[in-house]
Amino acid sequence: MKKPELLAPGGSLEKLKTAINYGADAVYIGGEAFSLRVAAENFSYEDMKEGIKYAHDRGKKVYLTANILPHNEDINEFEAFIEEIRPLGFDAILIADIGMFDMMRELAPEIPIHISTQANNVNYRSACAWYKLGAKRVVLAREMSFSEIAEIREKIPADMEIEAFVHGAMCISYSGRCLLSNYMTQRDANMGACAHPCRWNYSLVEETRPGEYMNVFENERGTFIFNSKDLCMIRHIPEIIKSGISSLKIEGRVKTSYYVATIVKAYREEIDRYFEDPENYVFDESQYEELCKVSHRPYSTGFYFGKPGADKQVYTDSSYIRDYDLIGMVLDYDEKTKVATISQRNKFSVGEEIEIIQPKKPFFKQVVEYIENDAGERVESAPHAQMIIKMPVDFPVNQDAMLRRVRK
């Protein structure tokens, strides 16, 4: 068995570096256009250049997401965009539209093309058709079971790759091809501007009784009939590997660096542990507990084990579960004094118990013994956003380490 690629979201240059530092094999990013995530920070030309160099210097890959469904006015702009990014050295580009695919083959034939989940890849014939046109990989729609994936793997060319989402948000509409946002807010989901109306509170109105709103599902918070649970497949690494998926994709370009670090670290460690001894592999339940320490909706296994029922929806609320806060990022660590330099992200105080996570090491708990501000003065708390402080740490920490705390 070949170890699959772990593919992480890179919504910004910081997140790209975080994903790689915490164990991703590849990162997918978007430019300032064409990437279906206008809410993400996205990458300028210089950010792309720096991000690709950072990844390639460490033997990792960067994929460019350009998976909008373009209108006529987008075509000339896309041609100019490809001409601009062509020399940067992207390892692949994600495309959903056949016209943009044709343009890529014509304008930058050396860049491998991956077919986005937006193209609704749900059968082996469509995968084979894309392969004949020159695609290297298809990203499967989320509406796929393990048995369907295995059949696709069996019936497509051996050198064609399959990518599938294993963690993150699920769209209520078919693989993200949704018109609700466009219809209700004039924000086109297929152009990256989705307003997420599937998370809103809905009531029922009978046409002869305008203004009389009836709850579809009774709850004190309202009715959330479209609100899907998040996907989480961390407990099913063996099934994922055996299905023949080439790349395991984590959703979340608009999520935080802390989210990316935590999710990537957990999947990285479980994948590696499985390949160390597949026959005796047993899932480490503490990894699932780690995934519950980031902002998320209740987890489910999506469509992997069959068509999901009502238990895969959240009818009572649209909010995320947020049990932990990121409170700091380690900038430096002095091994002699055992003092870390930290950039604060949320207020914390002397005497609090916090947790510290970092790549390739288990998290550990730490009581804040003292805090020094940048003037060397002892203070009781770190209240100001991104203030630079120093504090003693019991164990060595890397520059990429993060401090978190149970939310109060």
Foldseek 3Di string as FASTA:
>chain_A
DDQFFEEEEALFLLLLLLLVQQPGQEYEFEACFQALAVLGPGDYLVSLLVSQVSQVVVNHAYEYERAFADDPVCVVVVLVVCVSCLVSDHQAYEYQDPVVVVSCCVRRVPHAYEYECNNADQALVVVQVVVVVGHQEYEHWLQYALVSLLVSCVRHDVRRAYEYEQWWADFLDGSQCDCPQCVPPVQHSSGNRRPPPLLDFAFDDDPVGPPDTHAPDDEPVHWRPRAFFIGHCLQPLVSVVVSRHRYYYYDDSRFDSVLSSLLSNLSSVLSVQCVVPVVPDHRDVVSVVSNLQAWGGDYDNRDHHHHDDPVRGDTHHSGTRHFKDWFWAWQDADPVVQKTKIFTAAKDFQQDKKWKDGHPDDIDIDGFHWKAFPVRDTDGMDHDHRGIIMTHDPDDDDNGMTIMDGDD
